[in-house]
Amino acid sequence: MNDHIRQQVRDIMKERGITQQQLADLTGLQRPNVTRLLSGTSGQVPDNWQRILDALQLDLITSSTTEDQR
């Protein structure tokens, strides 16, 4: 996951008052794994990211940029 997505997840957690421990409990992950995913030291594990997005009821939407959109 890129820095923008990690920041979006952190912002939503803050808005909703969800701690890393609570997110760990919601996803079935251990808190240190959540910390690593959110910090970017780990994150190439799509299943774990999907758990986080599911727990926060978020959808990951991708889009492409073109010269016209910049």
PDB file of N, CA and C in Angstrom:
ATOM      1  N   MET A   1       0.843  -1.170   0.000  1.00  0.00           N
ATOM      2  CA  MET A   1       0.000   0.000   0.000  1.00  0.00           C
ATOM      3  C   MET A   1       0.896   1.245   0.000  1.00  0.00           C
ATOM      4  N   ASN A   2       0.418   2.264  -0.652  1.00  0.00           N
ATOM      5  CA  ASN A   2       1.247   3.458  -0.714  1.00  0.00           C
ATOM      6  C   ASN A   2       0.980   4.371   0.486  1.00  0.00           C
ATOM      7  N   ASP A   3       1.800   5.390   0.601  1.00  0.00           N
ATOM      8  CA  ASP A   3       1.705   6.298   1.746  1.00  0.00           C
ATOM      9  C   ASP A   3       0.341   6.984   1.821  1.00  0.00           C
ATOM     10  N   HIS A   4      -0.219   7.333   0.676  1.00  0.00           N
ATOM     11  CA  HIS A   4      -1.517   8.013   0.662  1.00  0.00           C
ATOM     12  C   HIS A   4      -2.610   7.125   1.261  1.00  0.00           C
ATOM     13  N   ILE A   5      -2.631   5.870   0.882  1.00  0.00           N
ATOM     14  CA  ILE A   5      -3.650   4.956   1.402  1.00  0.00           C
ATOM     15  C   ILE A   5      -3.453   4.726   2.885  1.00  0.00           C
ATOM     16  N   ARG A   6      -2.205   4.529   3.301  1.00  0.00           N
ATOM     17  CA  ARG A   6      -1.940   4.344   4.741  1.00  0.00           C
ATOM     18  C   ARG A   6      -2.410   5.565   5.522  1.00  0.00           C
ATOM     19  N   GLN A   7      -2.161   6.764   4.995  1.00  0.00           N
ATOM     20  CA  GLN A   7      -2.585   7.982   5.685  1.00  0.00           C
ATOM     21  C   GLN A   7      -4.097   8.074   5.743  1.00  0.00           C
ATOM     22  N   GLN A   8      -4.765   7.703   4.659  1.00  0.00           N
ATOM     23  CA  GLN A   8      -6.231   7.721   4.650  1.00  0.00           C
ATOM     24  C   GLN A   8      -6.782   6.803   5.742  1.00  0.00           C
ATOM     25  N   VAL A   9      -6.216   5.617   5.849  1.00  0.00           N
ATOM     26  CA  VAL A   9      -6.670   4.665   6.873  1.00  0.00           C
ATOM     27  C   VAL A   9      -6.417   5.237   8.259  1.00  0.00           C
ATOM     28  N   ARG A  10      -5.236   5.810   8.492  1.00  0.00           N
ATOM     29  CA  ARG A  10      -4.952   6.414   9.806  1.00  0.00           C
ATOM     30  C   ARG A  10      -5.922   7.552  10.112  1.00  0.00           C
ATOM     31  N   ASP A  11      -6.215   8.385   9.102  1.00  0.00           N
ATOM     32  CA  ASP A  11      -7.157   9.495   9.306  1.00  0.00           C
ATOM     33  C   ASP A  11      -8.549   8.982   9.669  1.00  0.00           C
ATOM     34  N   ILE A  12      -9.004   7.955   8.990  1.00  0.00           N
ATOM     35  CA  ILE A  12     -10.333   7.402   9.281  1.00  0.00           C
ATOM     36  C   ILE A  12     -10.359   6.769  10.658  1.00  0.00           C
ATOM     37  N   MET A  13      -9.274   6.091  11.016  1.00  0.00           N
ATOM     38  CA  MET A  13      -9.203   5.521  12.373  1.00  0.00           C
ATOM     39  C   MET A  13      -9.322   6.634  13.408  1.00  0.00           C
ATOM     40  N   LYS A  14      -8.629   7.744  13.178  1.00  0.00           N
ATOM     41  CA  LYS A  14      -8.670   8.861  14.122  1.00  0.00           C
ATOM     42  C   LYS A  14     -10.078   9.450  14.190  1.00  0.00           C
ATOM     43  N   GLU A  15     -10.704   9.645  13.021  1.00  0.00           N
ATOM     44  CA  GLU A  15     -12.072  10.184  12.983  1.00  0.00           C
ATOM     45  C   GLU A  15     -13.035   9.307  13.773  1.00  0.00           C
ATOM     46  N   ARG A  16     -12.849   7.995  13.667  1.00  0.00           N
ATOM     47  CA  ARG A  16     -13.757   7.047  14.309  1.00  0.00           C
ATOM     48  C   ARG A  16     -13.313   6.658  15.715  1.00  0.00           C
ATOM     49  N   GLY A  17     -12.189   7.186  16.157  1.00  0.00           N
ATOM     50  CA  GLY A  17     -11.704   6.881  17.499  1.00  0.00           C
ATOM     51  C   GLY A  17     -11.260   5.441  17.667  1.00  0.00           C
ATOM     52  N   ILE A  18     -10.744   4.850  16.591  1.00  0.00           N
ATOM     53  CA  ILE A  18     -10.309   3.455  16.637  1.00  0.00           C
ATOM     54  C   ILE A  18      -8.805   3.402  16.849  1.00  0.00           C
ATOM     55  N   THR A  19      -8.386   2.673  17.866  1.00  0.00           N
ATOM     56  CA  THR A  19      -6.966   2.506  18.149  1.00  0.00           C
ATOM     57  C   THR A  19      -6.404   1.358  17.319  1.00  0.00           C
ATOM     58  N   GLN A  20      -5.088   1.273  17.292  1.00  0.00           N
ATOM     59  CA  GLN A  20      -4.458   0.157  16.601  1.00  0.00           C
ATOM     60  C   GLN A  20      -4.845  -1.168  17.255  1.00  0.00           C
ATOM     61  N   GLN A  21      -4.974  -1.190  18.563  1.00  0.00           N
ATOM     62  CA  GLN A  21      -5.375  -2.414  19.246  1.00  0.00           C
ATOM     63  C   GLN A  21      -6.805  -2.795  18.866  1.00  0.00           C
ATOM     64  N   GLN A  22      -7.693  -1.817  18.813  1.00  0.00           N
ATOM     65  CA  GLN A  22      -9.072  -2.110  18.423  1.00  0.00           C
ATOM     66  C   GLN A  22      -9.133  -2.617  16.982  1.00  0.00           C
ATOM     67  N   LEU A  23      -8.332  -2.018  16.103  1.00  0.00           N
ATOM     68  CA  LEU A  23      -8.290  -2.482  14.724  1.00  0.00           C
ATOM     69  C   LEU A  23      -7.741  -3.903  14.654  1.00  0.00           C
ATOM     70  N   ALA A  24      -6.748  -4.186  15.474  1.00  0.00           N
ATOM     71  CA  ALA A  24      -6.207  -5.544  15.538  1.00  0.00           C
ATOM     72  C   ALA A  24      -7.299  -6.516  15.969  1.00  0.00           C
ATOM     73  N   ASP A  25      -8.064  -6.146  16.975  1.00  0.00           N
ATOM     74  CA  ASP A  25      -9.151  -7.003  17.451  1.00  0.00           C
ATOM     75  C   ASP A  25     -10.213  -7.208  16.368  1.00  0.00           C
ATOM     76  N   LEU A  26     -10.534  -6.149  15.634  1.00  0.00           N
ATOM     77  CA  LEU A  26     -11.546  -6.226  14.580  1.00  0.00           C
ATOM     78  C   LEU A  26     -11.104  -7.111  13.414  1.00  0.00           C
ATOM     79  N   THR A  27      -9.799  -7.130  13.147  1.00  0.00           N
ATOM     80  CA  THR A  27      -9.288  -7.845  11.981  1.00  0.00           C
ATOM     81  C   THR A  27      -8.745  -9.228  12.302  1.00  0.00           C
ATOM     82  N   GLY A  28      -8.535  -9.510  13.583  1.00  0.00           N
ATOM     83  CA  GLY A  28      -7.927 -10.784  13.944  1.00  0.00           C
ATOM     84  C   GLY A  28      -6.419 -10.789  13.763  1.00  0.00           C
ATOM     85  N   LEU A  29      -5.848  -9.609  13.550  1.00  0.00           N
ATOM     86  CA  LEU A  29      -4.394  -9.483  13.427  1.00  0.00           C
ATOM     87  C   LEU A  29      -3.808  -9.123  14.777  1.00  0.00           C
ATOM     88  N   GLN A  30      -2.532  -9.371  14.949  1.00  0.00           N
ATOM     89  CA  GLN A  30      -1.874  -8.925  16.166  1.00  0.00           C
ATOM     90  C   GLN A  30      -1.525  -7.450  16.007  1.00  0.00           C
ATOM     91  N   ARG A  31      -1.571  -6.701  17.127  1.00  0.00           N
ATOM     92  CA  ARG A  31      -1.333  -5.264  17.062  1.00  0.00           C
ATOM     93  C   ARG A  31      -0.001  -4.911  16.404  1.00  0.00           C
ATOM     94  N   PRO A  32       1.115  -5.617  16.696  1.00  0.00           N
ATOM     95  CA  PRO A  32       2.364  -5.259  16.010  1.00  0.00           C
ATOM     96  C   PRO A  32       2.263  -5.369  14.482  1.00  0.00           C
ATOM     97  N   ASN A  33       1.456  -6.310  13.999  1.00  0.00           N
ATOM     98  CA  ASN A  33       1.271  -6.424  12.543  1.00  0.00           C
ATOM     99  C   ASN A  33       0.499  -5.232  12.001  1.00  0.00           C
ATOM    100  N   VAL A  34      -0.509  -4.776  12.735  1.00  0.00           N
ATOM    101  CA  VAL A  34      -1.257  -3.588  12.330  1.00  0.00           C
ATOM    102  C   VAL A  34      -0.315  -2.383  12.294  1.00  0.00           C
ATOM    103  N   THR A  35       0.518  -2.252  13.313  1.00  0.00           N
ATOM    104  CA  THR A  35       1.473  -1.145  13.369  1.00  0.00           C
ATOM    105  C   THR A  35       2.397  -1.166  12.164  1.00  0.00           C
ATOM    106  N   ARG A  36       2.904  -2.334  11.822  1.00  0.00           N
ATOM    107  CA  ARG A  36       3.796  -2.446  10.664  1.00  0.00           C
ATOM    108  C   ARG A  36       3.067  -2.103   9.363  1.00  0.00           C
ATOM    109  N   LEU A  37       1.836  -2.554   9.227  1.00  0.00           N
ATOM    110  CA  LEU A  37       1.067  -2.243   8.019  1.00  0.00           C
ATOM    111  C   LEU A  37       0.822  -0.743   7.892  1.00  0.00           C
ATOM    112  N   LEU A  38       0.472  -0.107   8.995  1.00  0.00           N
ATOM    113  CA  LEU A  38       0.162   1.321   8.961  1.00  0.00           C
ATOM    114  C   LEU A  38       1.403   2.190   8.799  1.00  0.00           C
ATOM    115  N   SER A  39       2.548   1.684   9.234  1.00  0.00           N
ATOM    116  CA  SER A  39       3.784   2.468   9.129  1.00  0.00           C
ATOM    117  C   SER A  39       4.485   2.269   7.791  1.00  0.00           C
ATOM    118  N   GLY A  40       4.109   1.214   7.081  1.00  0.00           N
ATOM    119  CA  GLY A  40       4.732   0.965   5.790  1.00  0.00           C
ATOM    120  C   GLY A  40       5.920   0.044   5.844  1.00  0.00           C
ATOM    121  N   THR A  41       6.263  -0.446   7.045  1.00  0.00           N
ATOM    122  CA  THR A  41       7.388  -1.381   7.138  1.00  0.00           C
ATOM    123  C   THR A  41       6.981  -2.767   6.663  1.00  0.00           C
ATOM    124  N   SER A  42       5.700  -2.966   6.518  1.00  0.00           N
ATOM    125  CA  SER A  42       5.148  -4.190   5.953  1.00  0.00           C
ATOM    126  C   SER A  42       3.876  -3.777   5.248  1.00  0.00           C
ATOM    127  N   GLY A  43       3.502  -4.468   4.237  1.00  0.00           N
ATOM    128  CA  GLY A  43       2.267  -4.081   3.588  1.00  0.00           C
ATOM    129  C   GLY A  43       2.036  -4.785   2.277  1.00  0.00           C
ATOM    130  N   GLN A  44       2.863  -5.723   1.970  1.00  0.00           N
ATOM    131  CA  GLN A  44       2.697  -6.450   0.732  1.00  0.00           C
ATOM    132  C   GLN A  44       1.837  -7.686   0.942  1.00  0.00           C
ATOM    133  N   VAL A  45       0.995  -7.641   1.943  1.00  0.00           N
ATOM    134  CA  VAL A  45       0.142  -8.775   2.270  1.00  0.00           C
ATOM    135  C   VAL A  45      -1.304  -8.365   2.011  1.00  0.00           C
ATOM    136  N   PRO A  46      -1.826  -8.590   0.810  1.00  0.00           N
ATOM    137  CA  PRO A  46      -3.175  -8.122   0.480  1.00  0.00           C
ATOM    138  C   PRO A  46      -4.264  -8.629   1.422  1.00  0.00           C
ATOM    139  N   ASP A  47      -4.176  -9.866   1.889  1.00  0.00           N
ATOM    140  CA  ASP A  47      -5.214 -10.381   2.783  1.00  0.00           C
ATOM    141  C   ASP A  47      -5.324  -9.552   4.050  1.00  0.00           C
ATOM    142  N   ASN A  48      -4.208  -9.165   4.618  1.00  0.00           N
ATOM    143  CA  ASN A  48      -4.232  -8.360   5.836  1.00  0.00           C
ATOM    144  C   ASN A  48      -4.798  -6.971   5.558  1.00  0.00           C
ATOM    145  N   TRP A  49      -4.425  -6.375   4.433  1.00  0.00           N
ATOM    146  CA  TRP A  49      -4.987  -5.068   4.103  1.00  0.00           C
ATOM    147  C   TRP A  49      -6.475  -5.179   3.869  1.00  0.00           C
ATOM    148  N   GLN A  50      -6.925  -6.269   3.251  1.00  0.00           N
ATOM    149  CA  GLN A  50      -8.357  -6.440   3.024  1.00  0.00           C
ATOM    150  C   GLN A  50      -9.094  -6.543   4.348  1.00  0.00           C
ATOM    151  N   ARG A  51      -8.502  -7.200   5.330  1.00  0.00           N
ATOM    152  CA  ARG A  51      -9.126  -7.285   6.657  1.00  0.00           C
ATOM    153  C   ARG A  51      -9.296  -5.903   7.261  1.00  0.00           C
ATOM    154  N   ILE A  52      -8.262  -5.071   7.113  1.00  0.00           N
ATOM    155  CA  ILE A  52      -8.325  -3.712   7.664  1.00  0.00           C
ATOM    156  C   ILE A  52      -9.414  -2.917   6.954  1.00  0.00           C
ATOM    157  N   LEU A  53      -9.448  -2.974   5.632  1.00  0.00           N
ATOM    158  CA  LEU A  53     -10.466  -2.245   4.887  1.00  0.00           C
ATOM    159  C   LEU A  53     -11.860  -2.749   5.235  1.00  0.00           C
ATOM    160  N   ASP A  54     -12.019  -4.061   5.371  1.00  0.00           N
ATOM    161  CA  ASP A  54     -13.312  -4.626   5.751  1.00  0.00           C
ATOM    162  C   ASP A  54     -13.735  -4.158   7.131  1.00  0.00           C
ATOM    163  N   ALA A  55     -12.807  -4.157   8.082  1.00  0.00           N
ATOM    164  CA  ALA A  55     -13.129  -3.761   9.455  1.00  0.00           C
ATOM    165  C   ALA A  55     -13.579  -2.308   9.521  1.00  0.00           C
ATOM    166  N   LEU A  56     -13.018  -1.473   8.641  1.00  0.00           N
ATOM    167  CA  LEU A  56     -13.377  -0.058   8.615  1.00  0.00           C
ATOM    168  C   LEU A  56     -14.489   0.228   7.613  1.00  0.00           C
ATOM    169  N   GLN A  57     -15.000  -0.820   6.994  1.00  0.00           N
ATOM    170  CA  GLN A  57     -16.061  -0.716   5.987  1.00  0.00           C
ATOM    171  C   GLN A  57     -15.662   0.239   4.864  1.00  0.00           C
ATOM    172  N   LEU A  58     -14.445   0.022   4.337  1.00  0.00           N
ATOM    173  CA  LEU A  58     -13.918   0.840   3.257  1.00  0.00           C
ATOM    174  C   LEU A  58     -13.717  -0.011   2.014  1.00  0.00           C
ATOM    175  N   ASP A  59     -13.817   0.613   0.868  1.00  0.00           N
ATOM    176  CA  ASP A  59     -13.501  -0.021  -0.399  1.00  0.00           C
ATOM    177  C   ASP A  59     -12.275   0.670  -0.972  1.00  0.00           C
ATOM    178  N   LEU A  60     -11.372  -0.097  -1.495  1.00  0.00           N
ATOM    179  CA  LEU A  60     -10.207   0.450  -2.170  1.00  0.00           C
ATOM    180  C   LEU A  60     -10.560   0.580  -3.640  1.00  0.00           C
ATOM    181  N   ILE A  61     -10.521   1.810  -4.123  1.00  0.00           N
ATOM    182  CA  ILE A  61     -10.863   2.084  -5.514  1.00  0.00           C
ATOM    183  C   ILE A  61      -9.623   2.635  -6.193  1.00  0.00           C
ATOM    184  N   THR A  62      -9.291   2.053  -7.314  1.00  0.00           N
ATOM    185  CA  THR A  62      -8.135   2.534  -8.055  1.00  0.00           C
ATOM    186  C   THR A  62      -8.604   3.321  -9.254  1.00  0.00           C
ATOM    187  N   SER A  63      -7.789   4.250  -9.653  1.00  0.00           N
ATOM    188  CA  SER A  63      -8.081   5.015 -10.856  1.00  0.00           C
ATOM    189  C   SER A  63      -6.761   5.365 -11.521  1.00  0.00           C
ATOM    190  N   SER A  64      -6.828   5.625 -12.784  1.00  0.00           N
ATOM    191  CA  SER A  64      -5.624   6.030 -13.494  1.00  0.00           C
ATOM    192  C   SER A  64      -5.678   7.527 -13.714  1.00  0.00           C
ATOM    193  N   THR A  65      -4.524   8.123 -13.802  1.00  0.00           N
ATOM    194  CA  THR A  65      -4.454   9.552 -14.073  1.00  0.00           C
ATOM    195  C   THR A  65      -3.958   9.739 -15.500  1.00  0.00           C
ATOM    196  N   THR A  66      -4.443  10.765 -16.110  1.00  0.00           N
ATOM    197  CA  THR A  66      -3.981  11.121 -17.444  1.00  0.00           C
ATOM    198  C   THR A  66      -3.479  12.539 -17.409  1.00  0.00           C
ATOM    199  N   GLU A  67      -2.866  12.952 -18.455  1.00  0.00           N
ATOM    200  CA  GLU A  67      -2.370  14.330 -18.533  1.00  0.00           C
ATOM    201  C   GLU A  67      -3.496  15.337 -18.314  1.00  0.00           C
ATOM    202  N   ASP A  68      -4.702  15.025 -18.812  1.00  0.00           N
ATOM    203  CA  ASP A  68      -5.828  15.941 -18.675  1.00  0.00           C
ATOM    204  C   ASP A  68      -6.269  16.116 -17.234  1.00  0.00           C
ATOM    205  N   GLN A  69      -6.053  15.108 -16.405  1.00  0.00           N
ATOM    206  CA  GLN A  69      -6.505  15.174 -15.011  1.00  0.00           C
ATOM    207  C   GLN A  69      -5.501  15.864 -14.111  1.00  0.00           C
ATOM    208  N   ARG A  70      -4.307  16.047 -14.557  1.00  0.00           N
ATOM    209  CA  ARG A  70      -3.267  16.654 -13.712  1.00  0.00           C
ATOM    210  C   ARG A  70      -3.391  18.104 -13.695  1.00  0.00           C
TER     211      ARG A  70
END
